[in-house]
Amino acid sequence: MQNFYGSNSGEDDRGRKMARDFEERLRQGYQTYIDLLSVEEIFQYYLSELNLLKAAKLIRYAQLIHAESAELLRKEAWLEMELRQHEAALLCIEQALNLDPMDPEIIFLKTEILARLDRYDEAIELLRSMLSITLSPKEVLLQMGNVAQMCGKESQSEQYYREALNHAPDFEEAVYELAFLLESLDKEEEAIHVYEDFLEKRPYAPHVWYELGRLYVQSELLEKALEAYDYAIIVQETIDKSAYFRAIYQKGIILLDMGQAREAMACFLKANDCQPNDMHNLFYMGRAYQAEGLLKDAIRYFQRVVKLDADYMEAWAEIGACLERCEKFLEAVYYYQKAYRLEEENEKLAFRIACCEYKLGNLFSAQEHLCQALELQADAICIWKEWAALLTADGRPGAALAFLEKGLESHPKNPEWYYLFAGYAFLNRQQALGINKLRNALLMDVDQVHLFFDIVPDLEQDVLIQGLIAQYTH
């Protein structure tokens, strides 16, 4: 469900200035008049800043001037509800209804408060009584669906949303709520059908195309997602620049995930024309350049991100990754450390630092960070595998085998570990040990034998190995 209140003006600077002027007058003790339009602008600004306490102070001040305002009582009731003071919220909304008993927004808010007090039947009956007199039954049915959803009655919620769409087939808000409900119930395919059915008759609905694309991505239907985002982009480009940005940005991410980095760059560049300082778009632009091997350009974009937000951990980490690929291990450690300080539970960062420190010859620091990585995620076989490969590449296959033996002891029932150990045993010229562990692995899961050949591809055509595998193939 959508928030009951939210900033719609888009005039953040104006709202900020009005709020500051209001606060300054209060600090100086001035008791000045404030009109309801100004209250609304300042109120919406406070909500955009998530400052409910300042919003409440504003409403209390305004009520001294506009004591008979049902709208102010409605806002006070909403604030009390959001602050979990439900009984106080109910008292406020009753006072608002005494002043304006037919205002649908006040009645809707009362039903939401009743729902939060687990008085579902009372809320639904109040809404039913509105159906016979309202000029907009779709809005009432939508609220009935919202109330049912709040009270955990999903099947009734779905029924009310569908009734709202029967009354008004072009009611986009009901489409979103129904699809979100189905998605929350793990019925993504049904949610997709809701959007598809709507768009079949009403194709000029850019936000619906966007949400359909998002669901296609979740369902791993990437080609369909690209098509949905393309429709959203075509419709939105002349209607809603912010929505156009979202669609072109999401299309870029999909293309990047599909390995089409150059096409993704084109999308991110168009998105950048709309919102030049969007950190996430700049970050993915860096990722696209990184995927193309244009590491200097990638670093430039990642550095723009961290200038905008010094706590953007992923950007610091990607700078480190680019420098590591350039074999600038000392600089890579510096940037990996920046990222690691922001997220000390990240085993991947700890391991990257370990690898770079090892290549710099700082063995104590390398071992320290390796231990940190394994403490955080001892079951991550990729860490064990890459460290063993690093030791082997450094001419220390014996050390690699000894390291993997510790991992195998902790995972005695996992065939992946036996294949891994067997491969490194062969690399270490310990054929008998390798065959023994390979037998264990084949006995557990012969279908994963490719893991063994990933380490020792030269043995794939070996007669002895093929004969051994044949014994366990059914």
Protein backbone atom coordinates (compact mmCIF):
# COMPACT_ATOMS: atom_id res chain seq x y z
CA MET A 1 0.00 0.00 0.00
CA GLN A 2 1.07 3.55 -0.65
CA ASN A 3 1.86 6.01 2.16
CA PHE A 4 -1.15 8.12 3.07
CA TYR A 5 0.88 11.29 2.88
CA GLY A 6 3.91 12.17 0.80
CA SER A 7 5.53 15.10 -0.89
CA ASN A 8 3.88 15.82 -4.23
CA SER A 9 4.92 19.43 -4.82
CA GLY A 10 8.47 18.77 -6.01
CA GLU A 11 9.39 22.20 -4.67
CA ASP A 12 11.85 21.04 -2.03
CA ASP A 13 13.78 24.32 -1.97
CA ARG A 14 10.62 26.35 -1.42
CA GLY A 15 9.43 23.99 1.32
CA ARG A 16 12.83 24.06 3.00
CA LYS A 17 12.90 27.87 3.00
CA MET A 18 9.36 28.11 4.38
CA ALA A 19 10.20 25.57 7.10
CA ARG A 20 13.32 27.47 8.12
CA ASP A 21 11.38 30.76 8.27
CA PHE A 22 8.70 29.11 10.41
CA GLU A 23 11.27 27.58 12.79
CA GLU A 24 13.10 30.91 13.10
CA ARG A 25 9.87 32.68 14.06
CA LEU A 26 9.22 30.05 16.71
CA ARG A 27 12.75 30.41 18.09
CA GLN A 28 12.29 34.17 18.38
CA GLY A 29 8.95 33.71 20.12
CA TYR A 30 6.83 35.36 17.40
CA GLN A 31 3.16 34.36 17.37
CA THR A 32 2.46 35.03 13.70
CA TYR A 33 -0.37 33.98 11.42
CA ILE A 34 0.18 30.98 9.13
CA ASP A 35 -2.29 30.09 6.39
CA LEU A 36 -3.31 26.51 5.59
CA LEU A 37 -1.54 26.46 2.21
CA SER A 38 1.75 27.31 3.92
CA VAL A 39 1.06 24.64 6.55
CA GLU A 40 0.60 22.10 3.75
CA GLU A 41 3.90 22.98 2.04
CA ILE A 42 5.91 22.91 5.27
CA PHE A 43 4.15 19.72 6.36
CA GLN A 44 5.04 17.94 3.13
CA TYR A 45 8.64 19.13 3.42
CA TYR A 46 8.92 17.68 6.94
CA LEU A 47 7.51 14.38 5.70
CA SER A 48 10.03 14.28 2.86
CA GLU A 49 12.72 14.68 5.53
CA LEU A 50 11.05 11.95 7.66
CA ASN A 51 10.79 14.40 10.55
CA LEU A 52 7.43 13.52 12.13
CA LEU A 53 8.15 15.36 15.36
CA LYS A 54 8.63 18.68 13.59
CA ALA A 55 5.52 17.97 11.54
CA ALA A 56 3.54 17.41 14.75
CA LYS A 57 4.85 20.66 16.22
CA LEU A 58 3.76 22.49 13.07
CA ILE A 59 0.23 21.06 13.24
CA ARG A 60 -0.16 21.92 16.92
CA TYR A 61 0.88 25.52 16.20
CA ALA A 62 -1.49 25.78 13.22
CA GLN A 63 -4.39 24.46 15.30
CA LEU A 64 -4.05 27.44 17.62
CA ILE A 65 -4.96 29.60 14.63
CA HIS A 66 -7.32 27.24 12.75
CA ALA A 67 -9.12 25.53 15.61
CA GLU A 68 -12.06 24.37 13.45
CA SER A 69 -9.95 22.76 10.70
CA ALA A 70 -10.90 19.14 10.07
CA GLU A 71 -7.89 18.86 7.75
CA LEU A 72 -5.46 19.69 10.56
CA LEU A 73 -7.15 17.14 12.82
CA ARG A 74 -6.78 14.57 10.04
CA LYS A 75 -3.08 15.31 9.79
CA GLU A 76 -2.73 15.10 13.57
CA ALA A 77 -4.51 11.73 13.55
CA TRP A 78 -2.20 10.42 10.83
CA LEU A 79 0.88 11.54 12.76
CA GLU A 80 -0.38 9.86 15.94
CA MET A 81 -0.99 6.69 13.94
CA GLU A 82 2.49 6.73 12.44
CA LEU A 83 3.92 7.25 15.94
CA ARG A 84 1.92 4.16 17.04
CA GLN A 85 -0.38 6.16 19.31
CA HIS A 86 -3.46 4.49 17.85
CA GLU A 87 -5.98 5.39 20.56
CA ALA A 88 -4.93 9.04 20.39
CA ALA A 89 -5.18 8.84 16.58
CA LEU A 90 -8.72 7.48 16.84
CA LEU A 91 -9.72 10.31 19.17
CA CYS A 92 -8.36 12.91 16.72
CA ILE A 93 -10.10 11.37 13.74
CA GLU A 94 -13.42 11.29 15.58
CA GLN A 95 -13.04 15.00 16.24
CA ALA A 96 -12.30 15.55 12.56
CA LEU A 97 -15.46 13.61 11.60
CA ASN A 98 -17.53 15.78 13.93
CA LEU A 99 -16.41 18.78 11.89
CA ASP A 100 -16.70 17.11 8.46
CA PRO A 101 -18.59 13.77 8.67
CA MET A 102 -18.71 13.16 4.89
CA ASP A 103 -15.03 13.70 3.99
CA PRO A 104 -13.94 10.39 2.39
CA GLU A 105 -10.27 10.92 3.24
CA ILE A 106 -11.12 11.30 6.93
CA ILE A 107 -13.28 8.18 6.81
CA PHE A 108 -10.54 6.24 5.00
CA LEU A 109 -8.00 7.24 7.64
CA LYS A 110 -10.39 6.13 10.39
CA THR A 111 -10.64 2.68 8.77
CA GLU A 112 -6.85 2.46 8.60
CA ILE A 113 -6.58 3.32 12.30
CA LEU A 114 -9.27 0.72 13.12
CA ALA A 115 -7.32 -1.85 11.10
CA ARG A 116 -4.18 -1.12 13.12
CA LEU A 117 -6.25 -1.68 16.26
CA ASP A 118 -7.34 -5.09 14.85
CA ARG A 119 -10.94 -3.89 14.49
CA TYR A 120 -11.25 -5.24 10.95
CA ASP A 121 -14.99 -5.92 10.86
CA GLU A 122 -15.76 -2.41 12.11
CA ALA A 123 -13.49 -0.87 9.44
CA ILE A 124 -15.04 -2.91 6.62
CA GLU A 125 -18.60 -2.14 7.73
CA LEU A 126 -17.81 1.58 7.72
CA LEU A 127 -16.51 1.28 4.16
CA ARG A 128 -19.51 -0.80 3.06
CA SER A 129 -21.79 1.95 4.29
CA MET A 130 -19.94 4.35 1.95
CA LEU A 131 -20.51 2.21 -1.16
CA SER A 132 -24.19 3.12 -1.44
CA ILE A 133 -23.58 6.88 -1.29
CA THR A 134 -20.19 7.44 -2.89
CA LEU A 135 -19.65 8.73 -6.40
CA SER A 136 -16.38 6.76 -6.56
CA PRO A 137 -16.94 3.13 -5.53
CA LYS A 138 -13.54 2.17 -6.97
CA GLU A 139 -11.77 4.25 -4.30
CA VAL A 140 -13.84 2.66 -1.53
CA LEU A 141 -13.16 -0.86 -2.83
CA LEU A 142 -9.47 -0.03 -3.07
CA GLN A 143 -9.46 1.05 0.57
CA MET A 144 -11.33 -2.14 1.54
CA GLY A 145 -8.53 -4.08 -0.14
CA ASN A 146 -5.90 -2.05 1.72
CA VAL A 147 -7.61 -2.60 5.08
CA ALA A 148 -7.94 -6.34 4.44
CA GLN A 149 -4.26 -6.51 3.51
CA MET A 150 -3.26 -4.65 6.68
CA CYS A 151 -5.18 -7.20 8.75
CA GLY A 152 -3.56 -10.19 7.02
CA LYS A 153 -6.69 -11.20 5.07
CA GLU A 154 -5.01 -11.60 1.69
CA SER A 155 -7.78 -13.50 -0.12
CA GLN A 156 -10.36 -10.83 0.79
CA SER A 157 -7.89 -8.12 -0.16
CA GLU A 158 -7.43 -9.67 -3.61
CA GLN A 159 -11.20 -9.90 -4.01
CA TYR A 160 -11.71 -6.20 -3.24
CA TYR A 161 -8.90 -5.11 -5.59
CA ARG A 162 -10.44 -7.16 -8.40
CA GLU A 163 -13.87 -5.65 -7.68
CA ALA A 164 -12.33 -2.19 -7.93
CA LEU A 165 -10.95 -3.10 -11.37
CA ASN A 166 -14.32 -4.47 -12.45
CA HIS A 167 -15.85 -1.08 -11.61
CA ALA A 168 -13.03 0.82 -13.30
CA PRO A 169 -10.82 -1.29 -15.63
CA ASP A 170 -8.43 1.66 -16.16
CA PHE A 171 -7.81 2.15 -12.40
CA GLU A 172 -4.00 1.96 -12.30
CA GLU A 173 -3.71 2.17 -8.52
CA ALA A 174 -5.80 -0.98 -8.11
CA VAL A 175 -3.60 -2.72 -10.68
CA TYR A 176 -0.48 -1.89 -8.68
CA GLU A 177 -1.99 -2.93 -5.36
CA LEU A 178 -3.29 -6.22 -6.75
CA ALA A 179 0.03 -7.02 -8.42
CA PHE A 180 2.04 -6.08 -5.29
CA LEU A 181 -0.25 -8.30 -3.19
CA LEU A 182 0.19 -11.26 -5.55
CA GLU A 183 3.94 -10.68 -5.61
CA SER A 184 4.08 -10.69 -1.79
CA LEU A 185 2.27 -14.05 -1.87
CA ASP A 186 4.94 -15.48 -4.24
CA LYS A 187 2.45 -15.47 -7.12
CA GLU A 188 4.70 -13.60 -9.52
CA GLU A 189 3.23 -15.26 -12.61
CA GLU A 190 -0.27 -14.06 -11.66
CA ALA A 191 1.09 -10.57 -10.96
CA ILE A 192 2.66 -10.54 -14.43
CA HIS A 193 -0.69 -11.51 -15.97
CA VAL A 194 -2.39 -8.62 -14.13
CA TYR A 195 0.01 -6.13 -15.73
CA GLU A 196 -0.10 -7.82 -19.15
CA ASP A 197 -3.92 -7.84 -19.23
CA PHE A 198 -4.02 -4.16 -18.28
CA LEU A 199 -1.45 -3.16 -20.93
CA GLU A 200 -3.14 -5.14 -23.67
CA LYS A 201 -5.96 -2.56 -23.69
CA ARG A 202 -4.09 0.43 -22.23
CA PRO A 203 -0.54 0.42 -23.67
CA TYR A 204 0.19 4.08 -22.82
CA ALA A 205 0.85 3.40 -19.15
CA PRO A 206 4.62 3.87 -18.66
CA HIS A 207 4.68 3.06 -14.94
CA VAL A 208 2.87 -0.22 -15.55
CA TRP A 209 5.43 -1.14 -18.22
CA TYR A 210 8.16 -0.34 -15.72
CA GLU A 211 6.66 -2.58 -13.01
CA LEU A 212 6.11 -5.35 -15.56
CA GLY A 213 9.78 -5.10 -16.54
CA ARG A 214 10.77 -5.37 -12.89
CA LEU A 215 8.74 -8.56 -12.47
CA TYR A 216 10.19 -10.01 -15.67
CA VAL A 217 13.67 -9.44 -14.22
CA GLN A 218 12.71 -11.23 -10.99
CA SER A 219 11.39 -14.12 -13.08
CA GLU A 220 14.65 -14.13 -15.13
CA LEU A 221 12.76 -13.29 -18.32
CA LEU A 222 15.38 -10.78 -19.38
CA GLU A 223 14.44 -10.42 -23.06
CA LYS A 224 10.85 -9.65 -22.08
CA ALA A 225 12.12 -7.24 -19.43
CA LEU A 226 14.11 -5.34 -22.05
CA GLU A 227 11.02 -5.12 -24.25
CA ALA A 228 8.92 -3.81 -21.33
CA TYR A 229 11.52 -1.17 -20.45
CA ASP A 230 11.73 -0.14 -24.10
CA TYR A 231 7.98 0.53 -24.14
CA ALA A 232 8.29 2.43 -20.86
CA ILE A 233 11.13 4.54 -22.30
CA ILE A 234 9.20 5.37 -25.49
CA VAL A 235 6.13 6.52 -23.58
CA GLN A 236 7.95 8.23 -20.72
CA GLU A 237 10.54 10.25 -22.62
CA THR A 238 8.05 13.03 -23.32
CA ILE A 239 5.85 12.53 -20.23
CA ASP A 240 7.93 12.00 -17.12
CA LYS A 241 11.69 12.55 -17.10
CA SER A 242 12.22 10.86 -13.71
CA ALA A 243 10.28 7.79 -14.82
CA TYR A 244 12.23 7.79 -18.11
CA PHE A 245 15.44 7.81 -16.08
CA ARG A 246 14.35 4.78 -14.05
CA ALA A 247 13.41 2.79 -17.13
CA ILE A 248 16.58 3.53 -19.12
CA TYR A 249 18.71 2.89 -16.01
CA GLN A 250 17.06 -0.48 -15.36
CA LYS A 251 17.45 -1.43 -19.01
CA GLY A 252 21.17 -0.70 -18.70
CA ILE A 253 21.49 -2.97 -15.67
CA ILE A 254 19.80 -5.85 -17.52
CA LEU A 255 22.06 -5.41 -20.55
CA LEU A 256 25.10 -5.37 -18.27
CA ASP A 257 23.94 -8.58 -16.58
CA MET A 258 23.52 -10.13 -20.04
CA GLY A 259 27.13 -9.27 -20.91
CA GLN A 260 26.23 -6.45 -23.30
CA ALA A 261 28.38 -3.79 -21.68
CA ARG A 262 28.58 -1.42 -24.64
CA GLU A 263 24.80 -1.34 -25.06
CA ALA A 264 24.51 -0.84 -21.28
CA MET A 265 26.88 2.15 -21.48
CA ALA A 266 24.59 3.83 -24.01
CA CYS A 267 21.66 3.45 -21.60
CA PHE A 268 23.61 4.80 -18.64
CA LEU A 269 24.80 7.78 -20.69
CA LYS A 270 21.20 8.65 -21.61
CA ALA A 271 20.21 8.27 -17.95
CA ASN A 272 23.10 10.54 -17.02
CA ASP A 273 21.68 13.25 -19.31
CA CYS A 274 18.51 13.19 -17.16
CA GLN A 275 20.18 13.00 -13.75
CA PRO A 276 23.91 13.78 -14.01
CA ASN A 277 24.74 13.15 -10.36
CA ASP A 278 22.78 9.99 -9.67
CA MET A 279 25.27 7.87 -7.74
CA HIS A 280 23.84 4.50 -8.72
CA ASN A 281 23.86 5.34 -12.42
CA LEU A 282 27.47 6.55 -12.18
CA PHE A 283 28.38 3.35 -10.32
CA TYR A 284 26.91 1.13 -13.02
CA MET A 285 28.56 3.24 -15.68
CA GLY A 286 31.83 2.36 -13.96
CA ARG A 287 30.83 -1.30 -13.94
CA ALA A 288 30.16 -1.19 -17.68
CA TYR A 289 33.59 0.31 -18.42
CA GLN A 290 35.11 -2.26 -16.07
CA ALA A 291 33.42 -5.09 -17.99
CA GLU A 292 34.95 -3.73 -21.21
CA GLY A 293 38.41 -3.66 -19.61
CA LEU A 294 38.53 0.15 -19.69
CA LEU A 295 39.76 0.30 -16.14
CA LYS A 296 40.96 3.91 -16.01
CA ASP A 297 37.55 5.13 -17.18
CA ALA A 298 35.86 2.79 -14.70
CA ILE A 299 37.93 4.18 -11.83
CA ARG A 300 37.03 7.72 -12.89
CA TYR A 301 33.31 6.95 -12.53
CA PHE A 302 33.74 5.10 -9.24
CA GLN A 303 35.69 8.08 -7.89
CA ARG A 304 32.82 10.40 -8.85
CA VAL A 305 30.53 8.16 -6.80
CA VAL A 306 32.63 8.29 -3.63
CA LYS A 307 32.96 12.06 -3.96
CA LEU A 308 29.18 12.24 -3.82
CA ASP A 309 28.89 9.65 -1.03
CA ALA A 310 31.97 8.64 0.95
CA ASP A 311 30.02 5.71 2.43
CA TYR A 312 29.33 4.03 -0.92
CA MET A 313 31.16 0.81 -0.05
CA GLU A 314 30.72 -0.90 -3.42
CA ALA A 315 32.39 1.97 -5.28
CA TRP A 316 35.48 1.88 -3.03
CA ALA A 317 35.64 -1.90 -3.53
CA GLU A 318 35.40 -1.64 -7.31
CA ILE A 319 38.24 0.90 -7.42
CA GLY A 320 40.28 -1.67 -5.52
CA ALA A 321 39.25 -4.39 -7.97
CA CYS A 322 40.30 -2.29 -10.97
CA LEU A 323 43.68 -1.54 -9.41
CA GLU A 324 44.19 -5.21 -8.54
CA ARG A 325 43.53 -6.12 -12.18
CA CYS A 326 46.18 -3.53 -13.10
CA GLU A 327 48.54 -5.30 -10.63
CA LYS A 328 48.75 -2.14 -8.52
CA PHE A 329 48.39 -4.16 -5.35
CA LEU A 330 49.48 -1.50 -2.86
CA GLU A 331 46.91 1.01 -4.16
CA ALA A 332 44.30 -1.76 -4.33
CA VAL A 333 44.80 -2.56 -0.64
CA TYR A 334 44.24 1.11 0.23
CA TYR A 335 40.85 1.20 -1.53
CA TYR A 336 39.80 -2.27 -0.35
CA GLN A 337 40.53 -1.11 3.20
CA LYS A 338 38.31 1.94 2.65
CA ALA A 339 35.48 -0.40 1.68
CA TYR A 340 36.22 -2.91 4.44
CA ARG A 341 35.99 -0.24 7.13
CA LEU A 342 32.45 0.44 5.95
CA GLU A 343 31.46 -3.23 6.03
CA GLU A 344 33.65 -5.32 8.30
CA GLU A 345 31.44 -8.39 7.91
CA ASN A 346 32.27 -8.70 4.23
CA GLU A 347 34.40 -11.81 3.72
CA LYS A 348 35.01 -11.01 0.04
CA LEU A 349 36.75 -7.74 0.90
CA ALA A 350 38.84 -9.39 3.60
CA PHE A 351 39.90 -12.04 1.10
CA ARG A 352 40.78 -9.53 -1.63
CA ILE A 353 43.01 -7.70 0.84
CA ALA A 354 44.62 -11.03 1.77
CA CYS A 355 45.41 -11.79 -1.88
CA CYS A 356 46.90 -8.36 -2.55
CA GLU A 357 48.96 -8.44 0.65
CA TYR A 358 50.30 -11.87 -0.32
CA LYS A 359 51.36 -10.58 -3.74
CA LEU A 360 53.10 -7.67 -2.01
CA GLY A 361 55.02 -10.13 0.19
CA ASN A 362 53.23 -9.01 3.37
CA LEU A 363 52.61 -12.57 4.54
CA PHE A 364 51.56 -11.75 8.10
CA SER A 365 48.88 -9.29 6.96
CA ALA A 366 47.81 -11.70 4.22
CA GLN A 367 47.34 -14.52 6.72
CA GLU A 368 45.50 -12.21 9.11
CA HIS A 369 42.98 -11.14 6.49
CA LEU A 370 42.60 -14.67 5.18
CA CYS A 371 41.66 -15.81 8.69
CA GLN A 372 39.16 -12.95 8.93
CA ALA A 373 37.57 -14.02 5.65
CA LEU A 374 37.30 -17.64 6.78
CA GLU A 375 35.89 -16.63 10.15
CA LEU A 376 33.18 -14.71 8.37
CA GLN A 377 32.40 -17.42 5.82
CA ALA A 378 34.18 -20.71 6.40
CA ASP A 379 31.90 -22.52 3.95
CA ALA A 380 32.80 -20.31 0.97
CA ILE A 381 34.69 -22.88 -1.10
CA CYS A 382 35.62 -20.16 -3.61
CA ILE A 383 37.91 -18.61 -0.98
CA TRP A 384 39.68 -21.89 -0.34
CA LYS A 385 39.93 -22.60 -4.05
CA GLU A 386 41.37 -19.21 -5.02
CA TRP A 387 43.87 -19.20 -2.16
CA ALA A 388 45.05 -22.68 -3.16
CA ALA A 389 45.43 -21.45 -6.75
CA LEU A 390 47.42 -18.44 -5.51
CA LEU A 391 49.79 -20.67 -3.53
CA THR A 392 50.21 -23.03 -6.49
CA ALA A 393 50.93 -20.17 -8.89
CA ASP A 394 53.59 -19.02 -6.43
CA GLY A 395 55.29 -22.42 -6.72
CA ARG A 396 53.91 -23.78 -3.43
CA PRO A 397 51.55 -26.66 -4.38
CA GLY A 398 52.42 -28.46 -1.15
CA ALA A 399 51.24 -25.49 0.91
CA ALA A 400 48.06 -25.37 -1.19
CA LEU A 401 47.36 -29.04 -0.47
CA ALA A 402 47.96 -28.60 3.26
CA PHE A 403 45.61 -25.61 3.27
CA LEU A 404 42.86 -27.55 1.49
CA GLU A 405 43.25 -30.47 3.88
CA LYS A 406 42.04 -28.18 6.69
CA GLY A 407 38.96 -27.30 4.66
CA LEU A 408 38.25 -30.94 3.82
CA GLU A 409 38.33 -31.85 7.50
CA SER A 410 35.53 -29.35 8.11
CA HIS A 411 33.42 -30.55 5.16
CA PRO A 412 33.69 -34.36 5.14
CA LYS A 413 30.33 -34.91 3.41
CA ASN A 414 30.67 -32.41 0.59
CA PRO A 415 31.83 -33.91 -2.74
CA GLU A 416 33.07 -30.52 -4.01
CA TRP A 417 35.83 -30.57 -1.41
CA TYR A 418 36.96 -34.05 -2.39
CA TYR A 419 37.14 -33.08 -6.08
CA LEU A 420 39.06 -29.94 -5.15
CA PHE A 421 41.49 -31.80 -2.91
CA ALA A 422 41.95 -34.60 -5.47
CA GLY A 423 42.83 -32.08 -8.19
CA TYR A 424 45.47 -30.40 -6.05
CA ALA A 425 46.85 -33.75 -4.95
CA PHE A 426 47.54 -34.53 -8.62
CA LEU A 427 49.09 -31.08 -9.09
CA ASN A 428 51.33 -31.91 -6.14
CA ARG A 429 52.28 -35.22 -7.80
CA GLN A 430 50.62 -37.27 -5.06
CA GLN A 431 48.77 -39.59 -7.42
CA ALA A 432 47.76 -42.24 -4.88
CA LEU A 433 46.27 -39.62 -2.56
CA GLY A 434 44.52 -37.99 -5.50
CA ILE A 435 42.94 -41.23 -6.69
CA ASN A 436 41.79 -42.02 -3.15
CA LYS A 437 40.00 -38.66 -2.78
CA LEU A 438 38.66 -38.83 -6.31
CA ARG A 439 37.05 -42.20 -5.48
CA ASN A 440 35.38 -40.60 -2.45
CA ALA A 441 34.07 -37.75 -4.59
CA LEU A 442 32.78 -40.05 -7.35
CA LEU A 443 31.01 -42.20 -4.79
CA MET A 444 29.23 -39.14 -3.41
CA ASP A 445 28.28 -37.45 -6.72
CA VAL A 446 29.73 -38.54 -10.04
CA ASP A 447 27.89 -35.75 -11.87
CA GLN A 448 30.21 -33.13 -10.38
CA VAL A 449 33.39 -34.66 -11.80
CA HIS A 450 33.84 -31.54 -13.95
CA LEU A 451 35.05 -29.81 -10.76
CA PHE A 452 38.08 -32.11 -10.80
CA PHE A 453 38.84 -31.37 -14.46
CA ASP A 454 38.54 -27.63 -13.81
CA ILE A 455 41.74 -27.99 -11.76
CA VAL A 456 43.56 -30.60 -13.85
CA PRO A 457 42.15 -30.32 -17.42
CA ASP A 458 45.10 -32.31 -18.80
CA LEU A 459 43.73 -35.44 -17.11
CA GLU A 460 40.37 -35.33 -18.89
CA GLN A 461 41.56 -37.80 -21.54
CA ASP A 462 43.68 -39.86 -19.14
CA VAL A 463 42.85 -43.57 -19.53
CA LEU A 464 43.30 -44.35 -15.83
CA ILE A 465 41.01 -41.49 -14.75
CA GLN A 466 38.37 -42.33 -17.35
CA GLY A 467 38.40 -45.95 -16.24
CA LEU A 468 37.95 -44.89 -12.64
CA ILE A 469 35.00 -42.65 -13.54
CA ALA A 470 33.41 -45.46 -15.55
CA GLN A 471 33.25 -47.59 -12.39
CA TYR A 472 30.89 -45.09 -10.78
CA THR A 473 28.80 -44.20 -13.84
CA HIS A 474 25.46 -45.98 -13.92
